[in-house]
N, C-alpha and C. Protein backbone atom coordinates (compact mmCIF):
# COMPACT_ATOMS: atom_id res chain seq x y z
N MET A 1 20.69 11.60 -22.65
CA MET A 1 21.80 10.67 -22.72
C MET A 1 21.71 9.71 -21.53
N VAL A 2 22.03 8.45 -21.78
CA VAL A 2 22.00 7.41 -20.75
C VAL A 2 23.34 7.41 -20.03
N ASN A 3 23.31 7.31 -18.68
CA ASN A 3 24.57 7.31 -17.95
C ASN A 3 25.36 6.04 -18.25
N THR A 4 26.65 6.07 -17.92
CA THR A 4 27.55 4.97 -18.25
C THR A 4 27.14 3.66 -17.60
N ALA A 5 26.71 3.69 -16.33
CA ALA A 5 26.29 2.46 -15.65
C ALA A 5 25.10 1.86 -16.36
N ARG A 6 24.16 2.68 -16.76
CA ARG A 6 22.97 2.18 -17.45
C ARG A 6 23.34 1.60 -18.82
N GLN A 7 24.28 2.23 -19.52
CA GLN A 7 24.74 1.70 -20.80
C GLN A 7 25.32 0.32 -20.64
N SER A 8 26.07 0.10 -19.56
CA SER A 8 26.66 -1.21 -19.29
C SER A 8 25.56 -2.24 -19.07
N ASP A 9 24.52 -1.86 -18.29
CA ASP A 9 23.39 -2.77 -18.07
C ASP A 9 22.74 -3.15 -19.40
N LEU A 10 22.52 -2.15 -20.22
CA LEU A 10 21.87 -2.41 -21.51
C LEU A 10 22.76 -3.23 -22.43
N ALA A 11 24.05 -3.03 -22.33
CA ALA A 11 24.98 -3.79 -23.18
C ALA A 11 24.88 -5.28 -22.88
N GLY A 12 24.77 -5.63 -21.61
CA GLY A 12 24.65 -7.05 -21.25
C GLY A 12 23.39 -7.66 -21.81
N TRP A 13 22.26 -6.96 -21.64
CA TRP A 13 21.00 -7.47 -22.18
C TRP A 13 21.02 -7.50 -23.70
N GLY A 14 21.64 -6.49 -24.30
CA GLY A 14 21.74 -6.48 -25.77
C GLY A 14 22.53 -7.67 -26.29
N ARG A 15 23.66 -7.94 -25.65
CA ARG A 15 24.47 -9.08 -26.09
C ARG A 15 23.73 -10.39 -25.86
N PHE A 16 23.00 -10.48 -24.72
CA PHE A 16 22.22 -11.70 -24.48
C PHE A 16 21.21 -11.91 -25.61
N TRP A 17 20.45 -10.88 -25.95
CA TRP A 17 19.42 -11.04 -26.98
C TRP A 17 20.02 -11.29 -28.35
N LEU A 18 21.21 -10.74 -28.63
CA LEU A 18 21.89 -11.10 -29.88
C LEU A 18 22.22 -12.58 -29.89
N GLY A 19 22.62 -13.11 -28.74
CA GLY A 19 22.88 -14.55 -28.63
C GLY A 19 21.63 -15.36 -28.86
N ALA A 20 20.52 -14.93 -28.27
CA ALA A 20 19.25 -15.65 -28.46
C ALA A 20 18.83 -15.64 -29.93
N LEU A 21 19.03 -14.51 -30.60
CA LEU A 21 18.71 -14.44 -32.04
C LEU A 21 19.64 -15.36 -32.84
N ALA A 22 20.92 -15.34 -32.50
CA ALA A 22 21.86 -16.22 -33.20
C ALA A 22 21.48 -17.69 -33.01
N ASP A 23 21.07 -18.04 -31.80
CA ASP A 23 20.66 -19.42 -31.51
C ASP A 23 19.39 -19.80 -32.25
N ASN A 24 18.36 -19.00 -32.11
CA ASN A 24 17.01 -19.40 -32.51
C ASN A 24 16.58 -18.97 -33.90
N VAL A 25 17.19 -17.92 -34.43
CA VAL A 25 16.82 -17.45 -35.76
C VAL A 25 17.90 -17.82 -36.78
N ALA A 26 19.13 -17.43 -36.48
CA ALA A 26 20.23 -17.69 -37.42
C ALA A 26 20.75 -19.12 -37.33
N LYS A 27 20.39 -19.84 -36.27
CA LYS A 27 20.88 -21.21 -36.04
C LYS A 27 22.41 -21.25 -36.10
N ASP A 28 23.02 -20.30 -35.38
CA ASP A 28 24.48 -20.15 -35.36
C ASP A 28 24.96 -20.26 -33.91
N PRO A 29 25.14 -21.50 -33.42
CA PRO A 29 25.51 -21.68 -32.02
C PRO A 29 26.87 -21.06 -31.65
N ALA A 30 27.80 -21.02 -32.56
CA ALA A 30 29.11 -20.44 -32.25
C ALA A 30 28.97 -18.94 -31.97
N SER A 31 28.23 -18.26 -32.81
CA SER A 31 28.00 -16.83 -32.61
C SER A 31 27.20 -16.59 -31.33
N ALA A 32 26.20 -17.45 -31.10
CA ALA A 32 25.40 -17.32 -29.89
C ALA A 32 26.28 -17.44 -28.65
N ALA A 33 27.17 -18.43 -28.64
CA ALA A 33 28.05 -18.64 -27.50
C ALA A 33 28.93 -17.42 -27.25
N GLU A 34 29.41 -16.79 -28.31
CA GLU A 34 30.22 -15.58 -28.16
C GLU A 34 29.41 -14.46 -27.53
N HIS A 35 28.17 -14.29 -27.97
CA HIS A 35 27.32 -13.24 -27.40
C HIS A 35 26.99 -13.53 -25.94
N TYR A 36 26.73 -14.79 -25.59
CA TYR A 36 26.44 -15.12 -24.19
C TYR A 36 27.66 -14.86 -23.32
N ALA A 37 28.84 -15.19 -23.82
CA ALA A 37 30.07 -14.93 -23.05
C ALA A 37 30.26 -13.42 -22.85
N ALA A 38 29.98 -12.64 -23.87
CA ALA A 38 30.09 -11.18 -23.75
C ALA A 38 29.05 -10.64 -22.78
N ALA A 39 27.85 -11.20 -22.79
CA ALA A 39 26.80 -10.77 -21.86
C ALA A 39 27.17 -11.11 -20.43
N ALA A 40 27.85 -12.23 -20.22
CA ALA A 40 28.21 -12.68 -18.88
C ALA A 40 29.10 -11.67 -18.16
N VAL A 41 29.87 -10.90 -18.91
CA VAL A 41 30.72 -9.86 -18.31
C VAL A 41 29.87 -8.82 -17.59
N HIS A 42 28.64 -8.64 -18.02
CA HIS A 42 27.77 -7.59 -17.48
C HIS A 42 26.81 -8.09 -16.40
N THR A 43 26.95 -9.34 -15.96
CA THR A 43 25.96 -9.89 -15.04
C THR A 43 26.14 -9.51 -13.57
N PRO A 44 27.32 -9.11 -13.09
CA PRO A 44 27.40 -8.77 -11.66
C PRO A 44 26.35 -7.72 -11.28
N GLY A 45 25.55 -8.08 -10.29
CA GLY A 45 24.51 -7.18 -9.83
C GLY A 45 23.18 -7.31 -10.55
N ASP A 46 23.16 -8.02 -11.68
CA ASP A 46 21.91 -8.22 -12.42
C ASP A 46 21.63 -9.72 -12.44
N HIS A 47 20.96 -10.18 -11.39
CA HIS A 47 20.75 -11.61 -11.23
C HIS A 47 19.80 -12.21 -12.26
N LEU A 48 18.87 -11.41 -12.76
CA LEU A 48 17.98 -11.92 -13.81
C LEU A 48 18.77 -12.16 -15.10
N LEU A 49 19.59 -11.21 -15.48
CA LEU A 49 20.44 -11.40 -16.65
C LEU A 49 21.37 -12.59 -16.45
N GLU A 50 21.96 -12.69 -15.26
CA GLU A 50 22.84 -13.83 -14.99
C GLU A 50 22.10 -15.15 -15.14
N SER A 51 20.84 -15.19 -14.69
CA SER A 51 20.07 -16.43 -14.79
C SER A 51 19.82 -16.81 -16.25
N TYR A 52 19.53 -15.83 -17.08
CA TYR A 52 19.30 -16.10 -18.50
C TYR A 52 20.59 -16.56 -19.18
N VAL A 53 21.68 -15.86 -18.90
CA VAL A 53 22.96 -16.22 -19.52
C VAL A 53 23.39 -17.62 -19.07
N ALA A 54 23.27 -17.90 -17.78
CA ALA A 54 23.66 -19.22 -17.27
C ALA A 54 22.84 -20.32 -17.93
N ARG A 55 21.54 -20.10 -18.07
CA ARG A 55 20.69 -21.12 -18.67
C ARG A 55 21.10 -21.39 -20.11
N HIS A 56 21.31 -20.33 -20.87
CA HIS A 56 21.67 -20.53 -22.28
C HIS A 56 23.08 -21.11 -22.43
N GLN A 57 24.02 -20.66 -21.61
CA GLN A 57 25.35 -21.26 -21.66
C GLN A 57 25.29 -22.73 -21.26
N GLY A 58 24.45 -23.03 -20.28
CA GLY A 58 24.29 -24.43 -19.87
C GLY A 58 23.82 -25.31 -21.01
N PHE A 59 22.84 -24.84 -21.76
CA PHE A 59 22.35 -25.62 -22.89
C PHE A 59 23.45 -25.86 -23.91
N HIS A 60 24.30 -24.86 -24.11
CA HIS A 60 25.39 -25.01 -25.07
C HIS A 60 26.42 -26.04 -24.61
N LEU A 61 26.54 -26.25 -23.31
CA LEU A 61 27.54 -27.18 -22.80
C LEU A 61 27.02 -28.61 -22.62
N LEU A 62 25.75 -28.85 -22.86
CA LEU A 62 25.18 -30.17 -22.58
C LEU A 62 25.94 -31.31 -23.25
N ARG A 63 26.42 -31.12 -24.45
CA ARG A 63 27.10 -32.21 -25.17
C ARG A 63 28.58 -32.31 -24.82
N SER A 64 29.19 -31.17 -24.48
CA SER A 64 30.64 -31.19 -24.27
C SER A 64 31.04 -31.29 -22.80
N ASP A 65 30.24 -30.76 -21.89
CA ASP A 65 30.58 -30.79 -20.47
C ASP A 65 29.28 -30.82 -19.66
N HIS A 66 28.71 -32.02 -19.57
CA HIS A 66 27.40 -32.18 -18.94
C HIS A 66 27.38 -31.71 -17.50
N ALA A 67 28.44 -31.99 -16.75
CA ALA A 67 28.49 -31.58 -15.34
C ALA A 67 28.44 -30.05 -15.21
N GLU A 68 29.21 -29.35 -16.02
CA GLU A 68 29.19 -27.88 -15.99
C GLU A 68 27.85 -27.34 -16.48
N ALA A 69 27.27 -28.01 -17.46
CA ALA A 69 25.94 -27.59 -17.94
C ALA A 69 24.92 -27.68 -16.82
N VAL A 70 24.93 -28.77 -16.08
CA VAL A 70 23.99 -28.93 -14.96
C VAL A 70 24.25 -27.86 -13.90
N THR A 71 25.51 -27.56 -13.63
CA THR A 71 25.85 -26.52 -12.66
C THR A 71 25.26 -25.18 -13.09
N LEU A 72 25.40 -24.83 -14.36
CA LEU A 72 24.85 -23.56 -14.85
C LEU A 72 23.33 -23.56 -14.84
N LEU A 73 22.71 -24.65 -15.22
CA LEU A 73 21.25 -24.73 -15.19
C LEU A 73 20.73 -24.64 -13.76
N ARG A 74 21.43 -25.27 -12.84
CA ARG A 74 21.06 -25.19 -11.43
C ARG A 74 21.22 -23.75 -10.93
N ARG A 75 22.29 -23.08 -11.31
CA ARG A 75 22.51 -21.67 -10.93
C ARG A 75 21.37 -20.81 -11.45
N SER A 76 20.95 -21.02 -12.67
CA SER A 76 19.84 -20.26 -13.24
C SER A 76 18.58 -20.46 -12.42
N TYR A 77 18.31 -21.71 -12.06
CA TYR A 77 17.12 -22.03 -11.26
C TYR A 77 17.18 -21.34 -9.90
N VAL A 78 18.30 -21.40 -9.23
CA VAL A 78 18.45 -20.79 -7.91
C VAL A 78 18.29 -19.27 -7.98
N LEU A 79 18.91 -18.65 -8.96
CA LEU A 79 18.79 -17.20 -9.10
C LEU A 79 17.34 -16.79 -9.34
N ARG A 80 16.66 -17.47 -10.22
CA ARG A 80 15.27 -17.13 -10.53
C ARG A 80 14.38 -17.36 -9.32
N SER A 81 14.65 -18.41 -8.57
CA SER A 81 13.88 -18.67 -7.35
C SER A 81 14.07 -17.54 -6.35
N ALA A 82 15.32 -17.12 -6.17
CA ALA A 82 15.62 -16.05 -5.23
C ALA A 82 14.96 -14.73 -5.63
N LEU A 83 14.81 -14.51 -6.92
CA LEU A 83 14.18 -13.29 -7.41
C LEU A 83 12.66 -13.34 -7.31
N GLY A 84 12.11 -14.53 -7.13
CA GLY A 84 10.66 -14.67 -7.11
C GLY A 84 10.03 -14.57 -8.49
N ALA A 85 10.82 -14.83 -9.50
CA ALA A 85 10.34 -14.76 -10.88
C ALA A 85 9.67 -16.10 -11.22
N ARG A 86 8.40 -16.21 -10.93
CA ARG A 86 7.71 -17.50 -11.00
C ARG A 86 7.72 -18.15 -12.38
N PRO A 87 7.34 -17.46 -13.46
CA PRO A 87 7.37 -18.15 -14.76
C PRO A 87 8.78 -18.59 -15.15
N GLN A 88 9.76 -17.72 -14.89
CA GLN A 88 11.14 -18.06 -15.23
C GLN A 88 11.67 -19.19 -14.35
N THR A 89 11.27 -19.21 -13.08
CA THR A 89 11.68 -20.29 -12.18
C THR A 89 11.10 -21.62 -12.64
N ALA A 90 9.83 -21.61 -13.03
CA ALA A 90 9.21 -22.84 -13.51
C ALA A 90 9.91 -23.35 -14.77
N ALA A 91 10.24 -22.44 -15.68
CA ALA A 91 10.95 -22.84 -16.90
C ALA A 91 12.32 -23.40 -16.57
N ALA A 92 13.01 -22.77 -15.62
CA ALA A 92 14.34 -23.26 -15.22
C ALA A 92 14.23 -24.62 -14.54
N ALA A 93 13.20 -24.82 -13.73
CA ALA A 93 13.00 -26.12 -13.08
C ALA A 93 12.79 -27.21 -14.11
N ALA A 94 11.97 -26.93 -15.11
CA ALA A 94 11.71 -27.92 -16.17
C ALA A 94 12.98 -28.21 -16.95
N ALA A 95 13.74 -27.17 -17.27
CA ALA A 95 14.98 -27.36 -18.04
C ALA A 95 15.98 -28.19 -17.25
N LEU A 96 16.13 -27.89 -15.97
CA LEU A 96 17.05 -28.66 -15.14
C LEU A 96 16.58 -30.10 -15.00
N ALA A 97 15.29 -30.30 -14.78
CA ALA A 97 14.75 -31.66 -14.67
C ALA A 97 15.03 -32.48 -15.92
N ASP A 98 14.98 -31.84 -17.07
CA ASP A 98 15.19 -32.53 -18.35
C ASP A 98 16.60 -33.10 -18.49
N VAL A 99 17.58 -32.52 -17.80
CA VAL A 99 18.97 -32.96 -18.00
C VAL A 99 19.51 -33.78 -16.83
N LEU A 100 18.73 -33.90 -15.77
CA LEU A 100 19.16 -34.69 -14.62
C LEU A 100 18.88 -36.17 -14.85
N PRO A 101 19.65 -37.03 -14.22
CA PRO A 101 19.33 -38.46 -14.31
C PRO A 101 18.00 -38.73 -13.61
N ALA A 102 17.36 -39.82 -13.97
CA ALA A 102 16.09 -40.18 -13.35
C ALA A 102 16.28 -40.23 -11.84
N GLY A 103 15.32 -39.66 -11.13
CA GLY A 103 15.41 -39.67 -9.68
C GLY A 103 14.52 -38.62 -9.06
N ARG A 104 14.64 -38.52 -7.76
CA ARG A 104 13.74 -37.66 -6.99
C ARG A 104 13.89 -36.18 -7.34
N GLU A 105 15.11 -35.69 -7.46
CA GLU A 105 15.30 -34.27 -7.75
C GLU A 105 14.58 -33.86 -9.04
N GLY A 106 14.77 -34.64 -10.09
CA GLY A 106 14.12 -34.34 -11.36
C GLY A 106 12.61 -34.39 -11.25
N ARG A 107 12.09 -35.40 -10.54
CA ARG A 107 10.63 -35.49 -10.34
C ARG A 107 10.10 -34.30 -9.56
N ASP A 108 10.82 -33.89 -8.51
CA ASP A 108 10.39 -32.76 -7.70
C ASP A 108 10.40 -31.46 -8.51
N LEU A 109 11.45 -31.28 -9.31
CA LEU A 109 11.53 -30.08 -10.15
C LEU A 109 10.41 -30.05 -11.19
N ARG A 110 10.16 -31.19 -11.81
CA ARG A 110 9.10 -31.27 -12.82
C ARG A 110 7.74 -30.99 -12.18
N GLU A 111 7.51 -31.54 -10.98
CA GLU A 111 6.25 -31.29 -10.28
C GLU A 111 6.09 -29.81 -9.94
N ALA A 112 7.16 -29.19 -9.45
CA ALA A 112 7.10 -27.75 -9.13
C ALA A 112 6.81 -26.94 -10.39
N ALA A 113 7.46 -27.30 -11.48
CA ALA A 113 7.22 -26.59 -12.74
C ALA A 113 5.77 -26.76 -13.19
N LEU A 114 5.26 -27.96 -13.06
CA LEU A 114 3.89 -28.23 -13.47
C LEU A 114 2.88 -27.46 -12.63
N LEU A 115 3.09 -27.43 -11.32
CA LEU A 115 2.18 -26.69 -10.44
C LEU A 115 2.16 -25.20 -10.79
N THR A 116 3.32 -24.63 -11.02
CA THR A 116 3.40 -23.22 -11.37
C THR A 116 2.81 -22.97 -12.75
N ALA A 117 3.10 -23.84 -13.69
CA ALA A 117 2.57 -23.68 -15.04
C ALA A 117 1.04 -23.73 -15.04
N ARG A 118 0.48 -24.62 -14.24
CA ARG A 118 -0.98 -24.67 -14.13
C ARG A 118 -1.52 -23.42 -13.46
N ASP A 119 -0.90 -23.03 -12.36
CA ASP A 119 -1.34 -21.87 -11.58
C ASP A 119 -1.33 -20.60 -12.42
N LEU A 120 -0.28 -20.42 -13.21
CA LEU A 120 -0.12 -19.21 -14.02
C LEU A 120 -0.63 -19.37 -15.45
N GLU A 121 -1.15 -20.56 -15.76
CA GLU A 121 -1.66 -20.86 -17.10
C GLU A 121 -0.61 -20.60 -18.18
N LEU A 122 0.56 -21.18 -17.96
CA LEU A 122 1.67 -21.05 -18.90
C LEU A 122 1.57 -22.15 -19.95
N SER A 123 0.80 -21.91 -20.98
CA SER A 123 0.51 -22.94 -21.98
C SER A 123 1.78 -23.48 -22.64
N TRP A 124 2.75 -22.62 -22.91
CA TRP A 124 3.99 -23.05 -23.55
C TRP A 124 4.77 -24.03 -22.65
N LEU A 125 4.73 -23.79 -21.34
CA LEU A 125 5.44 -24.68 -20.43
C LEU A 125 4.64 -25.97 -20.21
N LEU A 126 3.32 -25.85 -20.12
CA LEU A 126 2.49 -27.05 -19.99
C LEU A 126 2.71 -27.97 -21.18
N ALA A 127 2.77 -27.41 -22.39
CA ALA A 127 2.99 -28.22 -23.58
C ALA A 127 4.35 -28.93 -23.49
N HIS A 128 5.36 -28.24 -23.04
CA HIS A 128 6.69 -28.84 -22.90
C HIS A 128 6.66 -29.98 -21.88
N LEU A 129 6.03 -29.74 -20.75
CA LEU A 129 6.00 -30.75 -19.69
C LEU A 129 5.20 -31.98 -20.12
N ARG A 130 4.20 -31.81 -20.94
CA ARG A 130 3.44 -32.97 -21.44
C ARG A 130 4.27 -33.81 -22.40
N ARG A 131 5.17 -33.15 -23.15
CA ARG A 131 6.01 -33.87 -24.11
C ARG A 131 7.15 -34.62 -23.42
N SER A 132 7.60 -34.11 -22.28
CA SER A 132 8.78 -34.72 -21.65
C SER A 132 8.42 -35.77 -20.64
């Protein structure tokens, strides 16, 4: 049997992945948003989960509250950087760069993402950076 604290950890990740499935397979953004909100309850102490939830919630807010979306995407980037999660940090940098106005910050983030993508041979991220 899994202890209660561990069940809570798993519940957050489970709700996050249900949200990702709702977003990407079922194409149901309303359901996805509900799952991300439920996952967010479980993020204290799990900075990787928080970074994933923040990133996905940020994408959902891009049309309705751009400033809050950027705040969440920036939070995801900072958390992933602090964790040393290089592929995830590069992806977060590219995502944040995509929504920022033209300028130095976006260029710097895109360059950092590109350097990491090349270094780690992240073909999926390289393809994204070439398109943007």
